[in-house]
Amino acid sequence: MIKSRKMLASVLTSCVLAAGLATNAMADNAKKTHIDVIAKGFQHQFWKAVELGSNKAAKELGIEVTFQGPDTESNIAQQLEYLNTAIAGKPDAICLAALDTNASLGAISEAQDEGIPIIGFDSGVPNAPEGAIKANASTDNYAAGALAATELFKLIEPKIKAAKEPVRIGVVTQDWNGESVKSRTKGFVDEVVKLVGKNNVSIEGHDALRNENDKAKVIVDIGIPAEVKDVDAAAVASALLEKEDLIAIYGSNEFAANAIITANEGLEKIGKGKVVAVGFDAGKKQLDAVRAGLFAGSITQDPVQIGYKAVKLAYDASHGKAVKDVDTGAKWYNSTNMDDADIKPCLYE
């Protein structure tokens, strides 16, 4: 009887040890899951908020995440270098916010051939090879740009109706490479045209959207800096602010909004009773401008959720699960609602 009990104890001990080893093996396998997250840059606080979200997902899933981005959002070559290095390291998945899809096509095709799933985030990876991008975690940037126009129009409609001469709406856009700012600009412009009337709008400035009309009541003037540099963007914003017929101005991301704020420091053209300014994203400079009334309001994304959802999608895709696009949303905020429970968490500094 004693011998039987010893044998039973021995068997139970072996089972417990085996179960423990199996549990440890599963944990080790989970920890081995590695996802590379390649952003558009580290130039703005927006990307640091995205990184926070990706790290949050990594912690919950018990996986490793490497977050990288070029020094500036014009450094396409540096981003491509990060992407190629990531592919060579054979990660389980890649999250990518492409600065220029065309420049990345070769690398994206290589990842596809290697069986590495790619999840797009922020602007995603438009026009990528079919099947290469499993899903996207991003704001509907076109709709968000349209929302900015809708909120702005509420504030300037009386001025437009009362004007005896054409009035101007300025637009500062970082560049014409990234899909996100292109979509926000196009969404904004299209909505202005819809609200004012197609025959009443002249689109000037950048050639991509140019549609001039010498009988227009409203001129939409799009300014894009030669390079993604603070000084160049501030110069573009200054040129718009100095136009006498300007009644409103829109910055399509944190960089563009900051350029408007910087340009205004020497001109004092925006604010209550002056040119109506609206922006996009957040960051301390823009938040301060909204609180102070320099900006009537801005559109916020949820950058933490963008990073979080992108990594979650990448994890599922790397484990063979079907994934689909996630719209992480956009909201209008101003000095009266920016501390509300549904807005404040989205406003990074």
Protein backbone atom coordinates (compact mmCIF):
# COMPACT_ATOMS: atom_id res chain seq x y z
CA MET A 1 0.00 0.00 0.00
CA ILE A 2 2.81 2.35 0.91
CA LYS A 3 4.60 1.44 -2.31
CA SER A 4 1.44 2.19 -4.31
CA ARG A 5 1.09 5.57 -2.63
CA LYS A 6 4.74 6.40 -3.47
CA MET A 7 4.18 5.43 -7.08
CA LEU A 8 1.01 7.54 -7.21
CA ALA A 9 2.86 10.50 -5.70
CA SER A 10 5.63 10.05 -8.22
CA VAL A 11 3.17 10.00 -11.12
CA LEU A 12 1.38 13.10 -9.82
CA THR A 13 4.69 14.92 -9.40
CA SER A 14 5.66 14.03 -12.96
CA CYS A 15 2.30 15.29 -14.25
CA VAL A 16 2.68 18.57 -12.38
CA LEU A 17 6.20 19.03 -13.71
CA ALA A 18 5.08 18.20 -17.24
CA ALA A 19 2.20 20.67 -16.98
CA GLY A 20 4.57 23.33 -15.68
CA LEU A 21 7.02 22.71 -18.50
CA ALA A 22 4.20 22.89 -21.04
CA THR A 23 2.99 26.19 -19.53
CA ASN A 24 6.52 27.61 -19.64
CA ALA A 25 6.94 26.45 -23.23
CA MET A 26 3.68 28.20 -24.20
CA ALA A 27 4.82 31.38 -22.46
CA ASP A 28 8.17 31.21 -24.21
CA ASN A 29 6.44 30.79 -27.57
CA ALA A 30 4.21 33.79 -26.85
CA LYS A 31 7.22 35.89 -25.92
CA LYS A 32 8.93 34.90 -29.16
CA THR A 33 6.23 36.63 -31.20
CA HIS A 34 7.94 39.76 -32.54
CA ILE A 35 6.26 42.60 -34.38
CA ASP A 36 8.08 45.51 -36.04
CA VAL A 37 6.16 48.80 -36.03
CA ILE A 38 7.45 51.32 -38.58
CA ALA A 39 5.97 54.80 -38.24
CA LYS A 40 6.30 57.87 -40.45
CA GLY A 41 8.59 59.60 -37.99
CA PHE A 42 9.35 60.76 -34.49
CA GLN A 43 9.11 64.46 -35.35
CA HIS A 44 5.71 64.94 -33.72
CA GLN A 45 4.19 63.94 -30.37
CA PHE A 46 1.53 62.07 -32.34
CA TRP A 47 3.94 59.22 -33.06
CA LYS A 48 4.99 58.97 -29.43
CA ALA A 49 1.31 58.50 -28.56
CA VAL A 50 1.05 55.79 -31.24
CA GLU A 51 4.10 54.12 -29.68
CA LEU A 52 2.40 54.17 -26.26
CA GLY A 53 -0.55 52.30 -27.76
CA SER A 54 1.65 49.72 -29.46
CA ASN A 55 3.55 49.11 -26.22
CA LYS A 56 0.27 48.72 -24.33
CA ALA A 57 -0.86 46.00 -26.74
CA ALA A 58 2.54 44.30 -26.54
CA LYS A 59 2.34 44.16 -22.76
CA GLU A 60 -1.16 42.71 -22.82
CA LEU A 61 -0.21 40.06 -25.38
CA GLY A 62 3.15 39.23 -23.83
CA ILE A 63 5.04 39.86 -27.08
CA GLU A 64 7.97 41.95 -28.28
CA VAL A 65 7.46 45.09 -30.33
CA THR A 66 10.15 47.22 -31.97
CA PHE A 67 8.93 50.75 -32.78
CA GLN A 68 10.91 52.81 -35.31
CA GLY A 69 10.44 55.87 -37.47
CA PRO A 70 12.63 58.19 -39.55
CA ASP A 71 13.92 61.48 -38.15
CA THR A 72 11.45 63.46 -40.27
CA GLU A 73 8.39 62.63 -42.33
CA SER A 74 10.19 63.58 -45.53
CA ASN A 75 12.93 60.99 -45.04
CA ILE A 76 11.50 58.25 -47.24
CA ALA A 77 14.90 56.57 -47.72
CA GLN A 78 15.39 56.16 -43.96
CA GLN A 79 11.96 54.60 -43.53
CA LEU A 80 12.65 52.20 -46.39
CA GLU A 81 15.91 51.21 -44.70
CA TYR A 82 14.00 50.38 -41.50
CA LEU A 83 11.49 48.36 -43.50
CA ASN A 84 14.16 46.35 -45.32
CA THR A 85 15.99 45.68 -42.05
CA ALA A 86 12.76 44.52 -40.43
CA ILE A 87 12.02 42.10 -43.28
CA ALA A 88 15.55 40.69 -43.11
CA GLY A 89 14.97 39.97 -39.41
CA LYS A 90 11.91 37.86 -40.30
CA PRO A 91 9.46 39.19 -37.70
CA ASP A 92 6.09 37.53 -37.18
CA ALA A 93 4.36 40.65 -38.57
CA ILE A 94 4.99 44.28 -39.52
CA CYS A 95 2.87 47.36 -38.86
CA LEU A 96 3.57 50.08 -41.44
CA ALA A 97 2.54 53.69 -41.96
CA ALA A 98 4.09 54.27 -45.37
CA LEU A 99 5.52 57.66 -46.29
CA ASP A 100 5.54 56.66 -49.96
CA THR A 101 3.98 53.37 -51.06
CA ASN A 102 5.66 53.45 -54.47
CA ALA A 103 9.11 53.65 -52.88
CA SER A 104 8.21 50.69 -50.64
CA LEU A 105 6.66 48.39 -53.25
CA GLY A 106 9.73 46.15 -53.63
CA ALA A 107 10.08 45.67 -49.88
CA ILE A 108 6.34 45.06 -49.45
CA SER A 109 6.38 42.41 -52.18
CA GLU A 110 9.38 40.76 -50.52
CA ALA A 111 7.54 40.63 -47.18
CA GLN A 112 4.58 39.08 -48.96
CA ASP A 113 6.84 36.44 -50.54
CA GLU A 114 8.33 35.70 -47.12
CA GLY A 115 4.86 35.23 -45.66
CA ILE A 116 5.20 38.21 -43.29
CA PRO A 117 1.77 39.83 -42.79
CA ILE A 118 1.68 43.63 -42.91
CA ILE A 119 -0.87 45.77 -41.09
CA GLY A 120 -1.24 49.37 -42.22
CA PHE A 121 -1.79 52.13 -39.69
CA ASP A 122 -2.37 55.89 -39.75
CA SER A 123 -2.57 56.45 -43.52
CA GLY A 124 -1.95 52.76 -44.12
CA VAL A 125 -0.27 51.56 -47.32
CA PRO A 126 -2.46 52.69 -50.23
CA ASN A 127 -2.04 50.99 -53.61
CA ALA A 128 0.01 48.14 -52.13
CA PRO A 129 0.11 44.78 -53.99
CA GLU A 130 -3.11 42.84 -53.56
CA GLY A 131 -3.12 40.74 -50.41
CA ALA A 132 0.06 42.26 -48.97
CA ILE A 133 -1.79 44.42 -46.45
CA LYS A 134 -4.01 42.27 -44.27
CA ALA A 135 -5.88 45.17 -42.62
CA ASN A 136 -5.56 48.80 -41.54
CA ALA A 137 -5.92 50.53 -38.17
CA SER A 138 -6.52 54.16 -39.02
CA THR A 139 -8.71 57.21 -38.96
CA ASP A 140 -10.96 57.75 -41.96
CA ASN A 141 -8.89 60.78 -42.89
CA TYR A 142 -11.15 61.94 -45.70
CA ALA A 143 -14.16 61.98 -43.35
CA ALA A 144 -12.08 63.68 -40.64
CA GLY A 145 -11.06 66.44 -43.07
CA ALA A 146 -14.71 66.87 -44.02
CA LEU A 147 -15.61 67.17 -40.32
CA ALA A 148 -13.09 70.00 -39.95
CA ALA A 149 -14.74 71.82 -42.86
CA THR A 150 -18.22 71.28 -41.42
CA GLU A 151 -17.28 72.73 -38.04
CA LEU A 152 -15.41 75.63 -39.62
CA PHE A 153 -18.30 76.45 -41.93
CA LYS A 154 -20.63 76.88 -38.93
CA LEU A 155 -18.32 79.67 -37.76
CA ILE A 156 -17.71 81.48 -41.05
CA GLU A 157 -20.99 81.06 -42.94
CA PRO A 158 -22.28 84.52 -41.87
CA LYS A 159 -19.06 86.14 -43.18
CA ILE A 160 -19.39 84.34 -46.50
CA LYS A 161 -23.02 85.42 -46.91
CA ALA A 162 -22.28 89.03 -45.95
CA ALA A 163 -19.18 89.37 -48.17
CA LYS A 164 -19.46 91.61 -51.24
CA GLU A 165 -16.10 90.46 -52.57
CA PRO A 166 -14.58 86.94 -52.69
CA VAL A 167 -13.23 85.65 -49.38
CA ARG A 168 -10.36 83.21 -48.86
CA ILE A 169 -9.89 80.04 -46.80
CA GLY A 170 -6.26 79.04 -46.38
CA VAL A 171 -5.08 75.45 -46.06
CA VAL A 172 -1.63 74.47 -44.78
CA THR A 173 -0.69 70.89 -45.65
CA GLN A 174 2.58 69.24 -44.67
CA ASP A 175 3.29 67.56 -48.01
CA TRP A 176 1.63 65.67 -50.85
CA ASN A 177 3.30 62.29 -50.23
CA GLY A 178 1.50 60.80 -47.22
CA GLU A 179 -2.02 59.52 -47.83
CA SER A 180 -3.29 60.80 -44.48
CA VAL A 181 -2.66 64.52 -45.08
CA LYS A 182 -3.72 64.20 -48.72
CA SER A 183 -7.03 62.66 -47.67
CA ARG A 184 -7.59 65.24 -44.91
CA THR A 185 -6.93 68.04 -47.37
CA LYS A 186 -9.16 66.57 -50.07
CA GLY A 187 -11.92 65.78 -47.56
CA PHE A 188 -11.77 69.35 -46.27
CA VAL A 189 -11.78 70.95 -49.72
CA ASP A 190 -14.55 68.71 -51.08
CA GLU A 191 -16.74 69.49 -48.08
CA VAL A 192 -16.19 73.25 -48.48
CA VAL A 193 -17.23 72.91 -52.14
CA LYS A 194 -20.32 70.97 -51.08
CA LEU A 195 -21.29 73.49 -48.38
CA VAL A 196 -20.63 76.65 -50.39
CA GLY A 197 -21.70 75.32 -53.79
CA LYS A 198 -19.58 73.97 -56.63
CA ASN A 199 -19.95 77.05 -58.80
CA ASN A 200 -19.05 79.37 -55.93
CA VAL A 201 -15.58 77.98 -55.10
CA SER A 202 -12.17 78.48 -56.70
CA ILE A 203 -9.43 76.05 -55.63
CA GLU A 204 -5.98 77.54 -55.93
CA GLY A 205 -2.43 76.84 -54.78
CA HIS A 206 -1.40 73.23 -55.21
CA ASP A 207 -1.75 71.76 -58.69
CA ALA A 208 -3.24 68.42 -57.53
CA LEU A 209 -6.56 70.02 -56.56
CA ARG A 210 -6.44 73.24 -58.58
CA ASN A 211 -9.79 74.22 -60.10
CA GLU A 212 -9.87 77.98 -60.55
CA ASN A 213 -13.08 79.91 -61.00
CA ASP A 214 -12.95 83.68 -61.54
CA LYS A 215 -16.60 84.06 -60.49
CA ALA A 216 -16.19 82.31 -57.15
CA LYS A 217 -17.39 83.69 -53.83
CA VAL A 218 -14.88 81.60 -51.87
CA ILE A 219 -11.24 80.92 -52.71
CA VAL A 220 -9.65 77.84 -51.14
CA ASP A 221 -5.90 78.48 -51.16
CA ILE A 222 -3.70 75.42 -50.50
CA GLY A 223 -0.13 75.97 -49.31
CA ILE A 224 2.49 73.21 -49.10
CA PRO A 225 6.09 73.85 -47.92
CA ALA A 226 9.00 72.92 -50.18
CA GLU A 227 10.35 70.69 -47.40
CA VAL A 228 8.92 69.33 -44.17
CA LYS A 229 10.75 71.88 -42.06
CA ASP A 230 9.32 74.22 -39.45
CA VAL A 231 10.75 77.33 -41.09
CA ASP A 232 9.36 76.42 -44.53
CA ALA A 233 5.90 75.64 -43.18
CA ALA A 234 5.79 78.85 -41.13
CA ALA A 235 6.66 80.80 -44.27
CA VAL A 236 3.75 79.20 -46.14
CA ALA A 237 1.39 79.96 -43.24
CA SER A 238 2.65 83.56 -43.06
CA ALA A 239 2.01 84.08 -46.77
CA LEU A 240 -1.60 82.96 -46.31
CA LEU A 241 -2.18 84.96 -43.12
CA GLU A 242 -0.97 88.15 -44.80
CA LYS A 243 -3.67 87.99 -47.48
CA GLU A 244 -6.28 90.65 -46.81
CA ASP A 245 -9.25 88.55 -47.95
CA LEU A 246 -8.44 85.62 -45.63
CA ILE A 247 -11.29 84.74 -43.25
CA ALA A 248 -10.22 81.26 -42.13
CA ILE A 249 -7.26 78.87 -42.13
CA TYR A 250 -6.91 75.11 -41.62
CA GLY A 251 -3.85 73.04 -40.69
CA SER A 252 -4.20 69.37 -41.70
CA ASN A 253 -1.93 67.89 -39.00
CA GLU A 254 0.05 68.85 -35.90
CA PHE A 255 2.98 70.10 -37.99
CA ALA A 256 0.75 72.34 -40.14
CA ALA A 257 -1.23 73.63 -37.15
CA ASN A 258 2.00 74.51 -35.34
CA ALA A 259 3.20 76.34 -38.45
CA ILE A 260 0.07 78.53 -38.33
CA ILE A 261 0.63 79.26 -34.63
CA THR A 262 4.29 80.14 -35.22
CA ALA A 263 3.47 82.40 -38.16
CA ASN A 264 0.82 84.18 -36.13
CA GLU A 265 3.29 85.14 -33.39
CA GLY A 266 4.54 88.01 -35.50
CA LEU A 267 1.27 88.81 -37.25
CA GLU A 268 -1.52 88.37 -34.66
CA LYS A 269 -4.05 87.55 -37.36
CA ILE A 270 -5.93 84.63 -35.80
CA GLY A 271 -8.25 84.45 -32.78
CA LYS A 272 -11.63 85.70 -31.65
CA GLY A 273 -12.94 88.39 -33.99
CA LYS A 274 -10.08 87.73 -36.42
CA VAL A 275 -9.21 84.98 -38.90
CA VAL A 276 -10.82 81.71 -37.74
CA ALA A 277 -8.20 78.96 -37.36
CA VAL A 278 -8.84 75.22 -37.05
CA GLY A 279 -6.34 72.41 -36.82
CA PHE A 280 -5.82 68.68 -36.67
CA ASP A 281 -4.31 66.37 -34.00
CA ALA A 282 -3.03 67.77 -30.71
CA GLY A 283 0.36 68.49 -29.07
CA LYS A 284 0.97 71.09 -26.38
CA LYS A 285 1.30 74.04 -28.74
CA GLN A 286 -2.01 73.36 -30.44
CA LEU A 287 -3.83 72.52 -27.21
CA ASP A 288 -2.68 75.81 -25.71
CA ALA A 289 -3.91 77.64 -28.82
CA VAL A 290 -7.35 76.03 -28.52
CA ARG A 291 -7.59 76.83 -24.79
CA ALA A 292 -6.55 80.42 -25.41
CA GLY A 293 -9.05 80.91 -28.23
CA LEU A 294 -6.42 81.38 -30.95
CA PHE A 295 -7.80 78.22 -32.57
CA ALA A 296 -11.57 77.81 -32.72
CA GLY A 297 -11.02 74.07 -32.45
CA SER A 298 -9.32 71.07 -33.99
CA ILE A 299 -9.91 67.48 -35.02
CA THR A 300 -8.42 64.79 -32.84
CA GLN A 301 -7.65 61.23 -33.76
CA ASP A 302 -6.99 58.57 -31.15
CA PRO A 303 -3.27 57.87 -31.69
CA VAL A 304 -2.99 55.53 -28.71
CA GLN A 305 -5.78 53.39 -30.16
CA ILE A 306 -4.14 53.47 -33.61
CA GLY A 307 -0.96 51.92 -32.18
CA TYR A 308 -2.88 49.54 -29.93
CA LYS A 309 -5.22 48.26 -32.64
CA ALA A 310 -2.43 47.94 -35.21
CA VAL A 311 -0.41 45.62 -32.97
CA LYS A 312 -3.52 43.62 -32.02
CA LEU A 313 -4.34 43.13 -35.72
CA ALA A 314 -0.74 42.19 -36.47
CA TYR A 315 -0.73 39.63 -33.67
CA ASP A 316 -3.93 38.02 -34.94
CA ALA A 317 -2.70 38.01 -38.54
CA SER A 318 0.60 36.39 -37.49
CA HIS A 319 -1.41 33.60 -35.86
CA GLY A 320 -3.45 32.92 -38.97
CA LYS A 321 -6.61 34.70 -37.88
CA ALA A 322 -8.75 36.67 -40.34
CA VAL A 323 -8.49 40.42 -39.75
CA LYS A 324 -10.31 43.44 -41.13
CA ASP A 325 -9.91 47.23 -41.17
CA VAL A 326 -10.57 49.18 -37.97
CA ASP A 327 -11.67 52.84 -38.04
CA THR A 328 -10.16 54.39 -34.91
CA GLY A 329 -12.35 57.51 -35.22
CA ALA A 330 -12.03 61.31 -35.14
CA LYS A 331 -13.72 64.02 -33.07
CA TRP A 332 -14.02 67.80 -33.03
CA TYR A 333 -12.73 69.47 -29.89
CA ASN A 334 -12.68 73.09 -28.72
CA SER A 335 -12.15 75.02 -25.50
CA THR A 336 -15.54 73.97 -24.13
CA ASN A 337 -15.33 70.20 -24.61
CA MET A 338 -11.60 69.36 -24.57
CA ASP A 339 -11.76 68.19 -20.96
CA ASP A 340 -14.77 65.91 -21.55
CA ALA A 341 -14.33 62.24 -20.72
CA ASP A 342 -14.55 61.09 -24.36
CA ILE A 343 -12.15 63.75 -25.69
CA LYS A 344 -9.42 64.32 -23.09
CA PRO A 345 -7.76 60.87 -23.42
CA CYS A 346 -7.18 61.54 -27.13
CA LEU A 347 -5.38 64.87 -26.57
CA TYR A 348 -1.69 64.05 -26.21
CA GLU A 349 0.82 66.78 -25.34
